């Protein structure tokens, strides 16, 4: 993977944060509320995160209108990065056993995000050129 200059004003939000906030998990709700207050920052999620969220919401038997509202909220709040065939191939070339993590990392790099917000921080510590933060650590970003 080519070394890119990561932008400190670009923040990538992992699926687990989106889902936690949706279901009212306090730390994730506080994280999302803080991120909304930051000026001059761009928030990114992957199209993969949207699909994963919808699948989980449907699995939890949520009302279709509520699911559609959640997706429309994602569209309004975030820059959604498309996941292409080239991205999939790149993620398969990463030497890491968790392919979904690789995919999210590729999406983070694709939009030059410096920050990767996730509740699975241990899974992202070995990736280069990003700063992985837990939802409880987002106040390090200003």
N, C-alpha and C. Protein backbone atom coordinates (compact mmCIF):
# COMPACT_ATOMS: atom_id res chain seq x y z
N UNK A 1 0.84 -1.17 0.00
CA UNK A 1 0.00 0.00 0.00
C UNK A 1 0.89 1.24 0.00
N UNK A 2 0.56 2.18 -0.84
CA UNK A 2 1.32 3.41 -0.97
C UNK A 2 1.14 4.27 0.27
N UNK A 3 2.23 4.87 0.72
CA UNK A 3 2.15 5.76 1.87
C UNK A 3 1.53 7.08 1.44
N UNK A 4 0.45 7.46 2.10
CA UNK A 4 -0.26 8.70 1.80
C UNK A 4 -0.19 9.62 3.00
N UNK A 5 -0.27 10.92 2.74
CA UNK A 5 -0.34 11.86 3.84
C UNK A 5 -1.78 11.90 4.36
N UNK A 6 -1.95 11.52 5.60
CA UNK A 6 -3.28 11.48 6.19
C UNK A 6 -3.68 12.87 6.66
N UNK A 7 -4.93 13.21 6.49
CA UNK A 7 -5.46 14.54 6.80
C UNK A 7 -6.03 14.54 8.22
N UNK A 8 -5.52 15.40 9.12
CA UNK A 8 -6.03 15.44 10.49
C UNK A 8 -7.46 15.97 10.58
N UNK A 9 -7.99 16.50 9.49
CA UNK A 9 -9.37 16.98 9.49
C UNK A 9 -10.34 15.94 8.95
N UNK A 10 -9.81 14.75 8.61
CA UNK A 10 -10.65 13.67 8.11
C UNK A 10 -10.73 12.57 9.17
N UNK A 11 -11.96 12.21 9.51
CA UNK A 11 -12.21 11.24 10.58
C UNK A 11 -13.07 10.12 10.04
N UNK A 12 -12.59 8.89 10.18
CA UNK A 12 -13.34 7.71 9.73
C UNK A 12 -14.00 7.06 10.94
N UNK A 13 -15.26 6.73 10.81
CA UNK A 13 -16.02 6.15 11.92
C UNK A 13 -16.39 4.71 11.56
N UNK A 14 -15.99 3.80 12.41
CA UNK A 14 -16.21 2.38 12.20
C UNK A 14 -17.68 2.02 12.45
N UNK A 15 -18.08 0.91 11.88
CA UNK A 15 -19.47 0.45 11.98
C UNK A 15 -19.91 0.28 13.43
N UNK A 16 -19.03 -0.22 14.29
CA UNK A 16 -19.44 -0.49 15.67
C UNK A 16 -19.83 0.79 16.42
N UNK A 17 -19.26 1.92 16.06
CA UNK A 17 -19.63 3.20 16.68
C UNK A 17 -21.02 3.61 16.19
N UNK A 18 -21.27 3.48 14.90
CA UNK A 18 -22.58 3.81 14.33
C UNK A 18 -23.69 2.97 14.98
N UNK A 19 -23.43 1.69 15.09
CA UNK A 19 -24.43 0.78 15.66
C UNK A 19 -24.64 1.07 17.14
N UNK A 20 -23.54 1.29 17.86
CA UNK A 20 -23.67 1.61 19.28
C UNK A 20 -24.47 2.88 19.52
N UNK A 21 -24.21 3.90 18.73
CA UNK A 21 -24.95 5.16 18.86
C UNK A 21 -26.42 4.95 18.52
N UNK A 22 -26.69 4.18 17.50
CA UNK A 22 -28.07 3.89 17.09
C UNK A 22 -28.85 3.24 18.22
N UNK A 23 -28.21 2.31 18.91
CA UNK A 23 -28.88 1.59 19.99
C UNK A 23 -28.73 2.28 21.36
N UNK A 24 -28.21 3.51 21.36
CA UNK A 24 -28.17 4.31 22.58
C UNK A 24 -27.07 3.96 23.55
N UNK A 25 -26.01 3.31 23.09
CA UNK A 25 -24.87 3.01 23.97
C UNK A 25 -24.23 4.35 24.33
N UNK A 26 -24.19 4.65 25.62
CA UNK A 26 -23.81 5.98 26.10
C UNK A 26 -22.48 6.47 25.54
N UNK A 27 -21.43 5.65 25.60
CA UNK A 27 -20.11 6.10 25.15
C UNK A 27 -20.12 6.44 23.66
N UNK A 28 -20.90 5.69 22.88
CA UNK A 28 -20.96 5.94 21.44
C UNK A 28 -21.82 7.16 21.12
N UNK A 29 -22.89 7.34 21.87
CA UNK A 29 -23.72 8.53 21.70
C UNK A 29 -22.90 9.78 22.04
N UNK A 30 -22.17 9.74 23.16
CA UNK A 30 -21.32 10.88 23.54
C UNK A 30 -20.23 11.14 22.50
N UNK A 31 -19.67 10.08 21.96
CA UNK A 31 -18.66 10.20 20.90
C UNK A 31 -19.24 10.92 19.69
N UNK A 32 -20.38 10.45 19.22
CA UNK A 32 -20.99 11.06 18.04
C UNK A 32 -21.39 12.51 18.31
N UNK A 33 -21.89 12.78 19.49
CA UNK A 33 -22.25 14.16 19.84
C UNK A 33 -21.03 15.07 19.84
N UNK A 34 -19.91 14.57 20.37
CA UNK A 34 -18.68 15.38 20.36
C UNK A 34 -18.19 15.62 18.93
N UNK A 35 -18.17 14.57 18.13
CA UNK A 35 -17.69 14.72 16.75
C UNK A 35 -18.51 15.76 15.98
N UNK A 36 -19.81 15.84 16.28
CA UNK A 36 -20.66 16.83 15.61
C UNK A 36 -20.27 18.26 15.95
N UNK A 37 -19.61 18.46 17.10
CA UNK A 37 -19.24 19.82 17.52
C UNK A 37 -17.96 20.31 16.87
N UNK A 38 -17.20 19.42 16.26
CA UNK A 38 -15.91 19.79 15.70
C UNK A 38 -16.09 20.59 14.41
N UNK A 39 -15.44 21.71 14.32
CA UNK A 39 -15.53 22.56 13.14
C UNK A 39 -14.39 22.22 12.18
N UNK A 40 -14.69 22.24 10.90
CA UNK A 40 -13.67 22.02 9.88
C UNK A 40 -13.26 20.57 9.70
N UNK A 41 -14.00 19.65 10.28
CA UNK A 41 -13.69 18.22 10.16
C UNK A 41 -14.68 17.56 9.21
N UNK A 42 -14.21 16.58 8.45
CA UNK A 42 -15.06 15.78 7.59
C UNK A 42 -15.17 14.39 8.20
N UNK A 43 -16.40 13.91 8.32
CA UNK A 43 -16.65 12.59 8.87
C UNK A 43 -16.95 11.62 7.74
N UNK A 44 -16.30 10.46 7.77
CA UNK A 44 -16.45 9.46 6.73
C UNK A 44 -16.91 8.13 7.31
N UNK A 45 -17.74 7.44 6.55
CA UNK A 45 -18.06 6.04 6.81
C UNK A 45 -18.01 5.33 5.46
N UNK A 46 -17.93 4.03 5.51
CA UNK A 46 -17.89 3.27 4.25
C UNK A 46 -19.29 2.79 3.88
N UNK A 47 -19.49 2.55 2.60
CA UNK A 47 -20.75 1.96 2.16
C UNK A 47 -20.92 0.58 2.80
N UNK A 48 -19.81 -0.08 3.10
CA UNK A 48 -19.85 -1.35 3.81
C UNK A 48 -20.50 -1.17 5.18
N UNK A 49 -20.19 -0.07 5.88
CA UNK A 49 -20.78 0.19 7.19
C UNK A 49 -22.29 0.38 7.11
N UNK A 50 -22.72 1.05 6.05
CA UNK A 50 -24.17 1.25 5.86
C UNK A 50 -24.84 -0.11 5.69
N UNK A 51 -24.28 -0.95 4.83
CA UNK A 51 -24.85 -2.27 4.58
C UNK A 51 -24.83 -3.14 5.85
N UNK A 52 -23.73 -3.11 6.59
CA UNK A 52 -23.64 -3.89 7.83
C UNK A 52 -24.67 -3.42 8.85
N UNK A 53 -24.84 -2.11 8.95
CA UNK A 53 -25.82 -1.56 9.89
C UNK A 53 -27.23 -1.99 9.52
N UNK A 54 -27.58 -1.86 8.25
CA UNK A 54 -28.91 -2.26 7.80
C UNK A 54 -29.15 -3.75 8.09
N UNK A 55 -28.17 -4.59 7.80
CA UNK A 55 -28.31 -6.02 8.06
C UNK A 55 -28.57 -6.29 9.54
N UNK A 56 -27.83 -5.61 10.40
CA UNK A 56 -28.02 -5.81 11.84
C UNK A 56 -29.39 -5.29 12.29
N UNK A 57 -29.79 -4.12 11.81
CA UNK A 57 -31.10 -3.57 12.19
C UNK A 57 -32.23 -4.51 11.75
N UNK A 58 -32.10 -5.06 10.55
CA UNK A 58 -33.12 -6.00 10.08
C UNK A 58 -33.11 -7.28 10.91
N UNK A 59 -31.92 -7.74 11.27
CA UNK A 59 -31.79 -8.92 12.10
C UNK A 59 -32.44 -8.71 13.47
N UNK A 60 -32.39 -7.48 13.95
CA UNK A 60 -33.00 -7.13 15.25
C UNK A 60 -34.50 -6.84 15.10
N UNK A 61 -35.02 -7.05 13.88
CA UNK A 61 -36.44 -6.88 13.59
C UNK A 61 -36.94 -5.46 13.80
N UNK A 62 -36.07 -4.48 13.50
CA UNK A 62 -36.49 -3.09 13.59
C UNK A 62 -37.48 -2.77 12.48
N UNK A 63 -38.35 -1.84 12.76
CA UNK A 63 -39.33 -1.37 11.78
C UNK A 63 -38.62 -0.79 10.57
N UNK A 64 -39.11 -1.09 9.38
CA UNK A 64 -38.48 -0.65 8.14
C UNK A 64 -38.39 0.88 8.07
N UNK A 65 -39.39 1.57 8.57
CA UNK A 65 -39.36 3.04 8.55
C UNK A 65 -38.22 3.56 9.44
N UNK A 66 -37.98 2.90 10.55
CA UNK A 66 -36.88 3.29 11.45
C UNK A 66 -35.53 3.03 10.79
N UNK A 67 -35.42 1.92 10.08
CA UNK A 67 -34.18 1.60 9.38
C UNK A 67 -33.92 2.63 8.28
N UNK A 68 -34.93 2.93 7.51
CA UNK A 68 -34.77 3.93 6.45
C UNK A 68 -34.39 5.28 7.02
N UNK A 69 -34.96 5.64 8.15
CA UNK A 69 -34.63 6.90 8.81
C UNK A 69 -33.16 6.91 9.25
N UNK A 70 -32.70 5.78 9.77
CA UNK A 70 -31.30 5.67 10.20
C UNK A 70 -30.36 5.82 9.01
N UNK A 71 -30.70 5.21 7.88
CA UNK A 71 -29.86 5.31 6.69
C UNK A 71 -29.86 6.74 6.16
N UNK A 72 -31.02 7.37 6.12
CA UNK A 72 -31.09 8.77 5.69
C UNK A 72 -30.29 9.68 6.60
N UNK A 73 -30.26 9.36 7.88
CA UNK A 73 -29.45 10.11 8.85
C UNK A 73 -27.97 9.96 8.53
N UNK A 74 -27.55 8.74 8.18
CA UNK A 74 -26.15 8.51 7.80
C UNK A 74 -25.80 9.32 6.55
N UNK A 75 -26.69 9.31 5.58
CA UNK A 75 -26.45 10.06 4.34
C UNK A 75 -26.29 11.54 4.64
N UNK A 76 -27.10 12.05 5.55
CA UNK A 76 -27.06 13.49 5.88
C UNK A 76 -25.82 13.88 6.68
N UNK A 77 -25.34 12.99 7.54
CA UNK A 77 -24.27 13.35 8.48
C UNK A 77 -22.86 13.03 8.00
N UNK A 78 -22.73 12.05 7.11
CA UNK A 78 -21.40 11.55 6.77
C UNK A 78 -21.14 11.57 5.27
N UNK A 79 -19.86 11.61 4.94
CA UNK A 79 -19.42 11.34 3.59
C UNK A 79 -19.30 9.82 3.50
N UNK A 80 -20.04 9.23 2.57
CA UNK A 80 -20.05 7.78 2.45
C UNK A 80 -19.13 7.37 1.30
N UNK A 81 -18.14 6.57 1.64
CA UNK A 81 -17.13 6.14 0.67
C UNK A 81 -17.56 4.83 0.04
N UNK A 82 -17.60 4.82 -1.28
CA UNK A 82 -17.96 3.60 -2.01
C UNK A 82 -16.85 2.57 -1.91
N UNK A 83 -17.25 1.34 -1.84
CA UNK A 83 -16.33 0.22 -1.73
C UNK A 83 -16.29 -0.48 -3.07
N UNK A 84 -15.17 -0.39 -3.76
CA UNK A 84 -15.04 -0.89 -5.12
C UNK A 84 -14.34 -2.24 -5.19
N UNK A 85 -14.34 -2.83 -6.37
CA UNK A 85 -13.63 -4.08 -6.58
C UNK A 85 -12.13 -3.91 -6.29
N UNK A 86 -11.58 -2.78 -6.71
CA UNK A 86 -10.15 -2.52 -6.45
C UNK A 86 -9.88 -2.45 -4.95
N UNK A 87 -10.81 -1.86 -4.20
CA UNK A 87 -10.66 -1.79 -2.75
C UNK A 87 -10.70 -3.19 -2.12
N UNK A 88 -11.59 -4.01 -2.62
CA UNK A 88 -11.69 -5.38 -2.11
C UNK A 88 -10.38 -6.12 -2.36
N UNK A 89 -9.86 -6.00 -3.57
CA UNK A 89 -8.60 -6.68 -3.89
C UNK A 89 -7.46 -6.16 -3.02
N UNK A 90 -7.42 -4.84 -2.81
CA UNK A 90 -6.37 -4.27 -1.95
C UNK A 90 -6.48 -4.81 -0.53
N UNK A 91 -7.70 -4.92 -0.02
CA UNK A 91 -7.89 -5.42 1.35
C UNK A 91 -7.47 -6.88 1.48
N UNK A 92 -7.61 -7.65 0.41
CA UNK A 92 -7.21 -9.06 0.44
C UNK A 92 -5.69 -9.22 0.45
N UNK A 93 -4.98 -8.20 -0.01
CA UNK A 93 -3.51 -8.24 -0.05
C UNK A 93 -2.87 -7.86 1.29
N UNK A 94 -3.66 -7.37 2.23
CA UNK A 94 -3.11 -6.98 3.54
C UNK A 94 -2.90 -8.23 4.38
N UNK A 95 -1.74 -8.30 5.01
CA UNK A 95 -1.40 -9.46 5.84
C UNK A 95 -2.04 -9.31 7.22
N UNK A 96 -3.31 -9.65 7.28
CA UNK A 96 -4.08 -9.57 8.53
C UNK A 96 -5.25 -10.55 8.37
N UNK A 97 -5.57 -11.26 9.42
CA UNK A 97 -6.59 -12.30 9.34
C UNK A 97 -8.02 -11.77 9.31
N UNK A 98 -8.26 -10.57 9.82
CA UNK A 98 -9.63 -10.04 9.85
C UNK A 98 -9.89 -9.22 8.58
N UNK A 99 -10.51 -9.86 7.62
CA UNK A 99 -10.72 -9.23 6.31
C UNK A 99 -11.63 -8.01 6.40
N UNK A 100 -12.63 -8.04 7.27
CA UNK A 100 -13.51 -6.88 7.40
C UNK A 100 -12.73 -5.69 7.94
N UNK A 101 -11.85 -5.90 8.89
CA UNK A 101 -10.99 -4.81 9.38
C UNK A 101 -10.13 -4.26 8.24
N UNK A 102 -9.59 -5.15 7.43
CA UNK A 102 -8.78 -4.73 6.29
C UNK A 102 -9.61 -3.84 5.36
N UNK A 103 -10.85 -4.22 5.13
CA UNK A 103 -11.72 -3.45 4.25
C UNK A 103 -11.98 -2.06 4.80
N UNK A 104 -12.25 -1.98 6.09
CA UNK A 104 -12.49 -0.68 6.70
C UNK A 104 -11.22 0.17 6.67
N UNK A 105 -10.09 -0.44 6.90
CA UNK A 105 -8.82 0.27 6.84
C UNK A 105 -8.58 0.85 5.44
N UNK A 106 -8.84 0.06 4.42
CA UNK A 106 -8.67 0.54 3.04
C UNK A 106 -9.58 1.74 2.79
N UNK A 107 -10.80 1.69 3.31
CA UNK A 107 -11.72 2.82 3.14
C UNK A 107 -11.20 4.06 3.87
N UNK A 108 -10.68 3.87 5.05
CA UNK A 108 -10.11 4.97 5.83
C UNK A 108 -8.96 5.62 5.08
N UNK A 109 -8.10 4.80 4.54
CA UNK A 109 -6.95 5.32 3.77
C UNK A 109 -7.40 5.99 2.48
N UNK A 110 -8.45 5.45 1.88
CA UNK A 110 -8.95 5.98 0.61
C UNK A 110 -9.35 7.45 0.73
N UNK A 111 -9.87 7.84 1.87
CA UNK A 111 -10.29 9.23 2.06
C UNK A 111 -9.27 10.00 2.90
N UNK A 112 -8.07 9.45 3.03
CA UNK A 112 -6.94 10.11 3.71
C UNK A 112 -7.24 10.51 5.16
N UNK A 113 -8.00 9.68 5.85
CA UNK A 113 -8.33 9.98 7.25
C UNK A 113 -7.13 9.69 8.15
N UNK A 114 -6.84 10.61 9.03
CA UNK A 114 -5.83 10.35 10.04
C UNK A 114 -6.44 9.53 11.18
N UNK A 115 -7.67 9.88 11.55
CA UNK A 115 -8.31 9.26 12.72
C UNK A 115 -9.28 8.16 12.30
N UNK A 116 -9.20 7.06 13.03
CA UNK A 116 -10.10 5.92 12.83
C UNK A 116 -10.76 5.66 14.18
N UNK A 117 -12.06 5.95 14.29
CA UNK A 117 -12.77 5.81 15.56
C UNK A 117 -13.45 4.44 15.57
N UNK A 118 -13.09 3.63 16.57
CA UNK A 118 -13.60 2.26 16.67
C UNK A 118 -13.60 1.81 18.13
N UNK A 119 -14.48 0.89 18.44
CA UNK A 119 -14.45 0.27 19.77
C UNK A 119 -13.57 -0.98 19.79
N UNK A 120 -13.05 -1.34 18.63
CA UNK A 120 -12.14 -2.48 18.51
C UNK A 120 -10.72 -1.98 18.23
N UNK A 121 -10.23 -1.11 19.06
CA UNK A 121 -8.96 -0.43 18.82
C UNK A 121 -7.80 -1.42 18.66
N UNK A 122 -7.83 -2.51 19.39
CA UNK A 122 -6.73 -3.49 19.30
C UNK A 122 -6.59 -4.07 17.90
N UNK A 123 -7.69 -4.10 17.16
CA UNK A 123 -7.65 -4.65 15.81
C UNK A 123 -7.01 -3.71 14.80
N UNK A 124 -6.82 -2.45 15.18
CA UNK A 124 -6.30 -1.46 14.23
C UNK A 124 -4.95 -0.89 14.62
N UNK A 125 -4.38 -1.33 15.71
CA UNK A 125 -3.09 -0.78 16.17
C UNK A 125 -1.94 -1.09 15.22
N UNK A 126 -2.03 -2.18 14.50
CA UNK A 126 -0.92 -2.57 13.62
C UNK A 126 -1.00 -1.91 12.24
N UNK A 127 -2.09 -1.23 11.95
CA UNK A 127 -2.20 -0.55 10.66
C UNK A 127 -1.40 0.75 10.69
N UNK A 128 -0.71 1.03 9.60
CA UNK A 128 0.14 2.22 9.55
C UNK A 128 -0.66 3.44 9.07
N UNK A 129 -0.14 4.59 9.42
CA UNK A 129 -0.65 5.88 8.93
C UNK A 129 -2.05 6.23 9.38
N UNK A 130 -2.55 5.62 10.44
CA UNK A 130 -3.81 6.06 11.04
C UNK A 130 -3.63 6.11 12.55
N UNK A 131 -4.47 6.89 13.17
CA UNK A 131 -4.51 6.93 14.63
C UNK A 131 -5.86 6.35 15.04
N UNK A 132 -5.83 5.15 15.60
CA UNK A 132 -7.05 4.50 16.05
C UNK A 132 -7.39 4.99 17.45
N UNK A 133 -8.64 5.44 17.62
CA UNK A 133 -9.12 5.93 18.90
C UNK A 133 -10.42 5.24 19.26
N UNK A 134 -10.59 4.95 20.54
CA UNK A 134 -11.88 4.45 21.04
C UNK A 134 -12.87 5.61 21.09
N UNK A 135 -14.13 5.25 21.18
CA UNK A 135 -15.16 6.30 21.27
C UNK A 135 -14.93 7.18 22.50
N UNK A 136 -14.34 6.62 23.53
CA UNK A 136 -14.08 7.39 24.76
C UNK A 136 -12.84 8.27 24.64
N UNK A 137 -12.10 8.17 23.55
CA UNK A 137 -10.87 8.94 23.37
C UNK A 137 -11.01 10.08 22.34
N UNK A 138 -12.19 10.29 21.79
CA UNK A 138 -12.32 11.26 20.69
C UNK A 138 -12.04 12.69 21.11
N UNK A 139 -12.06 12.98 22.38
CA UNK A 139 -11.77 14.36 22.81
C UNK A 139 -10.29 14.72 22.58
N UNK A 140 -9.49 13.74 22.17
CA UNK A 140 -8.11 14.03 21.77
C UNK A 140 -8.07 14.77 20.45
N UNK A 141 -9.18 14.71 19.72
CA UNK A 141 -9.29 15.41 18.44
C UNK A 141 -9.87 16.79 18.72
N UNK A 142 -9.21 17.82 18.19
CA UNK A 142 -9.79 19.16 18.35
C UNK A 142 -9.75 19.93 17.06
